[in-house]
Structure formats: structure tokens, C-alpha cells
């Protein structure tokens, strides 16, 4: 079973300060990690429609965060989109 990711395990490059757990950058990292886990799950369980719906919701939420970040901090957006290999 894959290791459960938490907000505390976010890479230091994404955190704005030591106790940062809610910034847009950390949220994008968490969603990207959860999306990868769901994709692996769906590769094994093709008919799990609840997981598929959850995956689509997470992708939409991450896309909204990326859109917000692109409008506010373009340099940070470019860095994050390269490091988490997000296709927008």
C-alpha cells in the first residue's frame, strides 16, 4: 500500500515557511501526489467509478489552483509546473 502523504511532508521548495501547510504551492503538490495515487489505483481497478470521479474532481481543483497561481505569480507557476510535471 502506498505511503500516505501529509501536508508536513511537502518539499521545502514548495513551502513558503517552515509551518506552511495551506499555501497554493503546497496544495498543488498534495493534489498532484493524490492524483498519482488514484491513477495507480485505477490502473488496477478499472471499474471503480467512485475513484474515477474523485480523480476528476482533484484534477479540476488542481487546475483551478494552477490558474490562480498563473494569474498571481507567473514565475512560481513556471517553477511548479516544471517540477510536478503538470500538463495544463
N, C-alpha and C. Protein backbone atom coordinates (compact mmCIF):
# COMPACT_ATOMS: atom_id res chain seq x y z
N UNK A 1 0.85 -1.18 0.00
CA UNK A 1 0.00 0.00 0.00
C UNK A 1 0.90 1.24 0.00
N UNK A 2 0.58 2.25 -0.85
CA UNK A 2 1.44 3.43 -0.93
C UNK A 2 1.41 4.26 0.36
N UNK A 3 2.50 4.96 0.55
CA UNK A 3 2.64 5.79 1.74
C UNK A 3 1.68 6.97 1.65
N UNK A 4 0.96 7.25 2.72
CA UNK A 4 0.01 8.36 2.77
C UNK A 4 0.79 9.67 2.86
N UNK A 5 0.48 10.59 1.98
CA UNK A 5 1.16 11.88 2.01
C UNK A 5 0.43 12.81 2.96
N UNK A 6 1.21 13.63 3.62
CA UNK A 6 0.63 14.63 4.51
C UNK A 6 1.18 15.99 4.14
N UNK A 7 0.53 17.00 4.66
CA UNK A 7 0.96 18.36 4.38
C UNK A 7 2.35 18.63 4.93
N UNK A 8 2.71 17.92 6.00
CA UNK A 8 4.01 18.15 6.64
C UNK A 8 5.17 17.60 5.81
N UNK A 9 4.89 16.69 4.90
CA UNK A 9 5.96 16.09 4.12
C UNK A 9 6.21 16.80 2.80
N UNK A 10 5.59 17.94 2.60
CA UNK A 10 5.79 18.70 1.36
C UNK A 10 7.25 19.13 1.25
N UNK A 11 7.79 19.12 0.05
CA UNK A 11 9.19 19.52 -0.13
C UNK A 11 9.41 20.98 0.29
N UNK A 12 10.60 21.25 0.77
CA UNK A 12 10.92 22.59 1.25
C UNK A 12 10.84 23.62 0.13
N UNK A 13 11.05 23.20 -1.11
CA UNK A 13 10.99 24.15 -2.22
C UNK A 13 9.58 24.69 -2.45
N UNK A 14 8.56 23.97 -1.99
CA UNK A 14 7.18 24.42 -2.16
C UNK A 14 6.70 25.26 -0.99
N UNK A 15 7.27 25.03 0.19
CA UNK A 15 6.79 25.74 1.38
C UNK A 15 7.28 27.18 1.39
N UNK A 16 6.41 28.08 1.86
CA UNK A 16 6.78 29.49 1.98
C UNK A 16 7.50 29.75 3.30
N UNK A 17 7.19 28.94 4.33
CA UNK A 17 7.87 29.00 5.62
C UNK A 17 7.82 27.61 6.24
N UNK A 18 8.41 27.45 7.41
CA UNK A 18 8.56 26.11 8.00
C UNK A 18 7.23 25.40 8.27
N UNK A 19 6.24 26.13 8.75
CA UNK A 19 4.96 25.51 9.11
C UNK A 19 3.90 25.67 8.03
N UNK A 20 4.30 25.91 6.81
CA UNK A 20 3.36 26.15 5.72
C UNK A 20 2.66 24.86 5.33
N UNK A 21 1.34 24.85 5.47
CA UNK A 21 0.56 23.67 5.07
C UNK A 21 -0.61 24.04 4.17
N UNK A 22 -0.82 25.31 3.89
CA UNK A 22 -2.00 25.68 3.14
C UNK A 22 -1.78 26.60 1.96
N UNK A 23 -0.54 26.90 1.63
CA UNK A 23 -0.31 27.79 0.50
C UNK A 23 -0.69 27.08 -0.79
N UNK A 24 -0.87 27.86 -1.82
CA UNK A 24 -1.27 27.31 -3.12
C UNK A 24 -0.24 26.30 -3.61
N UNK A 25 1.02 26.60 -3.40
CA UNK A 25 2.08 25.71 -3.86
C UNK A 25 2.00 24.34 -3.20
N UNK A 26 1.78 24.32 -1.89
CA UNK A 26 1.67 23.06 -1.16
C UNK A 26 0.41 22.32 -1.57
N UNK A 27 -0.69 23.04 -1.76
CA UNK A 27 -1.93 22.41 -2.19
C UNK A 27 -1.77 21.72 -3.55
N UNK A 28 -1.08 22.38 -4.47
CA UNK A 28 -0.84 21.79 -5.79
C UNK A 28 0.00 20.53 -5.65
N UNK A 29 1.03 20.58 -4.81
CA UNK A 29 1.87 19.41 -4.60
C UNK A 29 1.06 18.25 -4.02
N UNK A 30 0.21 18.53 -3.03
CA UNK A 30 -0.60 17.48 -2.43
C UNK A 30 -1.57 16.86 -3.44
N UNK A 31 -2.23 17.72 -4.21
CA UNK A 31 -3.17 17.21 -5.19
C UNK A 31 -2.46 16.38 -6.26
N UNK A 32 -1.27 16.80 -6.67
CA UNK A 32 -0.52 16.05 -7.66
C UNK A 32 -0.17 14.67 -7.12
N UNK A 33 0.21 14.60 -5.86
CA UNK A 33 0.55 13.32 -5.24
C UNK A 33 -0.69 12.42 -5.13
N UNK A 34 -1.82 13.00 -4.74
CA UNK A 34 -3.06 12.23 -4.62
C UNK A 34 -3.54 11.75 -5.99
N UNK A 35 -3.37 12.58 -7.00
CA UNK A 35 -3.76 12.20 -8.36
C UNK A 35 -2.93 11.01 -8.84
N UNK A 36 -1.65 11.02 -8.55
CA UNK A 36 -0.79 9.90 -8.94
C UNK A 36 -1.22 8.61 -8.25
N UNK A 37 -1.59 8.70 -6.98
CA UNK A 37 -2.05 7.51 -6.25
C UNK A 37 -3.36 6.99 -6.85
N UNK A 38 -4.27 7.90 -7.18
CA UNK A 38 -5.54 7.47 -7.76
C UNK A 38 -5.35 6.86 -9.14
N UNK A 39 -4.42 7.39 -9.91
CA UNK A 39 -4.15 6.82 -11.23
C UNK A 39 -3.62 5.40 -11.11
N UNK A 40 -2.76 5.18 -10.13
CA UNK A 40 -2.23 3.83 -9.91
C UNK A 40 -3.35 2.89 -9.47
N UNK A 41 -4.24 3.37 -8.63
CA UNK A 41 -5.37 2.57 -8.17
C UNK A 41 -6.29 2.21 -9.34
N UNK A 42 -6.56 3.20 -10.19
CA UNK A 42 -7.47 2.97 -11.30
C UNK A 42 -6.86 2.06 -12.37
N UNK A 43 -5.55 1.99 -12.42
CA UNK A 43 -4.91 1.06 -13.36
C UNK A 43 -5.24 -0.39 -12.98
N UNK A 44 -5.39 -0.64 -11.69
CA UNK A 44 -5.73 -1.99 -11.21
C UNK A 44 -7.23 -2.23 -11.17
N UNK A 45 -7.98 -1.20 -10.83
CA UNK A 45 -9.43 -1.32 -10.61
C UNK A 45 -10.15 -0.42 -11.60
N UNK A 46 -10.31 -0.88 -12.82
CA UNK A 46 -10.85 -0.07 -13.90
C UNK A 46 -12.32 0.31 -13.70
N UNK A 47 -13.06 -0.46 -12.96
CA UNK A 47 -14.48 -0.20 -12.79
C UNK A 47 -14.82 0.54 -11.50
N UNK A 48 -13.84 1.08 -10.84
CA UNK A 48 -14.07 1.84 -9.60
C UNK A 48 -14.46 3.28 -9.98
N UNK A 49 -15.76 3.47 -10.19
CA UNK A 49 -16.23 4.76 -10.68
C UNK A 49 -16.18 5.85 -9.62
N UNK A 50 -16.25 5.48 -8.36
CA UNK A 50 -16.12 6.48 -7.29
C UNK A 50 -14.70 7.06 -7.29
N UNK A 51 -13.72 6.21 -7.47
CA UNK A 51 -12.34 6.69 -7.52
C UNK A 51 -12.11 7.54 -8.77
N UNK A 52 -12.74 7.17 -9.86
CA UNK A 52 -12.61 7.94 -11.09
C UNK A 52 -13.20 9.33 -10.91
N UNK A 53 -14.34 9.41 -10.27
CA UNK A 53 -14.97 10.70 -10.01
C UNK A 53 -14.10 11.54 -9.09
N UNK A 54 -13.55 10.91 -8.08
CA UNK A 54 -12.65 11.60 -7.17
C UNK A 54 -11.42 12.13 -7.90
N UNK A 55 -10.89 11.33 -8.80
CA UNK A 55 -9.74 11.75 -9.60
C UNK A 55 -10.08 12.98 -10.43
N UNK A 56 -11.21 12.97 -11.08
CA UNK A 56 -11.60 14.10 -11.91
C UNK A 56 -11.80 15.37 -11.08
N UNK A 57 -12.35 15.22 -9.88
CA UNK A 57 -12.52 16.38 -9.00
C UNK A 57 -11.18 16.95 -8.57
N UNK A 58 -10.23 16.08 -8.27
CA UNK A 58 -8.91 16.54 -7.85
C UNK A 58 -8.16 17.22 -8.99
N UNK A 59 -8.31 16.69 -10.20
CA UNK A 59 -7.68 17.30 -11.36
C UNK A 59 -8.26 18.70 -11.60
N UNK A 60 -9.57 18.82 -11.48
CA UNK A 60 -10.21 20.13 -11.68
C UNK A 60 -9.77 21.12 -10.60
N UNK A 61 -9.65 20.64 -9.38
CA UNK A 61 -9.23 21.52 -8.28
C UNK A 61 -7.78 21.97 -8.48
N UNK A 62 -6.91 21.04 -8.88
CA UNK A 62 -5.52 21.40 -9.15
C UNK A 62 -5.42 22.39 -10.30
N UNK A 63 -6.23 22.19 -11.32
CA UNK A 63 -6.23 23.11 -12.46
C UNK A 63 -6.65 24.51 -12.02
N UNK A 64 -7.62 24.61 -11.12
CA UNK A 64 -8.05 25.91 -10.62
C UNK A 64 -6.93 26.58 -9.82
N UNK A 65 -6.23 25.80 -9.00
CA UNK A 65 -5.10 26.34 -8.25
C UNK A 65 -4.00 26.83 -9.19
N UNK A 66 -3.72 26.05 -10.22
CA UNK A 66 -2.69 26.45 -11.19
C UNK A 66 -3.09 27.71 -11.94
N UNK A 67 -4.35 27.82 -12.28
CA UNK A 67 -4.84 29.00 -12.98
C UNK A 67 -4.70 30.24 -12.09
N UNK A 68 -5.03 30.09 -10.81
CA UNK A 68 -4.88 31.19 -9.85
C UNK A 68 -3.41 31.58 -9.72
N UNK A 69 -2.56 30.58 -9.58
CA UNK A 69 -1.13 30.84 -9.41
C UNK A 69 -0.54 31.51 -10.65
N UNK A 70 -1.00 31.11 -11.82
CA UNK A 70 -0.52 31.71 -13.06
C UNK A 70 -0.90 33.18 -13.14
N UNK A 71 -2.07 33.53 -12.63
CA UNK A 71 -2.50 34.92 -12.69
C UNK A 71 -1.83 35.78 -11.63
N UNK A 72 -1.40 35.19 -10.52
CA UNK A 72 -0.82 35.96 -9.42
C UNK A 72 0.71 35.97 -9.42
N UNK A 73 1.32 34.78 -9.59
CA UNK A 73 2.79 34.66 -9.53
C UNK A 73 3.26 33.79 -10.69
N UNK A 74 3.54 34.41 -11.81
CA UNK A 74 3.89 33.67 -13.01
C UNK A 74 5.21 32.91 -12.85
N UNK A 75 6.19 33.50 -12.19
CA UNK A 75 7.48 32.82 -12.03
C UNK A 75 7.34 31.56 -11.17
N UNK A 76 6.54 31.64 -10.11
CA UNK A 76 6.30 30.48 -9.26
C UNK A 76 5.54 29.42 -10.03
N UNK A 77 4.58 29.85 -10.83
CA UNK A 77 3.81 28.92 -11.66
C UNK A 77 4.72 28.14 -12.59
N UNK A 78 5.64 28.85 -13.25
CA UNK A 78 6.56 28.19 -14.18
C UNK A 78 7.43 27.16 -13.46
N UNK A 79 7.91 27.51 -12.28
CA UNK A 79 8.75 26.60 -11.50
C UNK A 79 7.96 25.37 -11.09
N UNK A 80 6.77 25.57 -10.58
CA UNK A 80 5.96 24.44 -10.09
C UNK A 80 5.51 23.55 -11.24
N UNK A 81 5.09 24.15 -12.33
CA UNK A 81 4.60 23.34 -13.44
C UNK A 81 5.71 22.45 -14.01
N UNK A 82 6.94 22.91 -13.95
CA UNK A 82 8.06 22.07 -14.41
C UNK A 82 8.37 20.97 -13.41
N UNK A 83 8.33 21.29 -12.12
CA UNK A 83 8.77 20.33 -11.11
C UNK A 83 7.73 19.24 -10.85
N UNK A 84 6.46 19.51 -11.00
CA UNK A 84 5.45 18.48 -10.75
C UNK A 84 4.96 17.86 -12.05
N UNK A 85 5.54 18.27 -13.16
CA UNK A 85 5.22 17.76 -14.50
C UNK A 85 3.71 17.75 -14.74
N UNK A 86 3.14 18.94 -14.66
CA UNK A 86 1.71 19.12 -14.86
C UNK A 86 1.46 19.54 -16.30
N UNK A 87 0.53 18.89 -16.93
CA UNK A 87 0.10 19.31 -18.26
C UNK A 87 -1.13 20.16 -18.11
N UNK A 88 -1.02 21.41 -18.52
CA UNK A 88 -2.15 22.33 -18.39
C UNK A 88 -2.75 22.58 -19.74
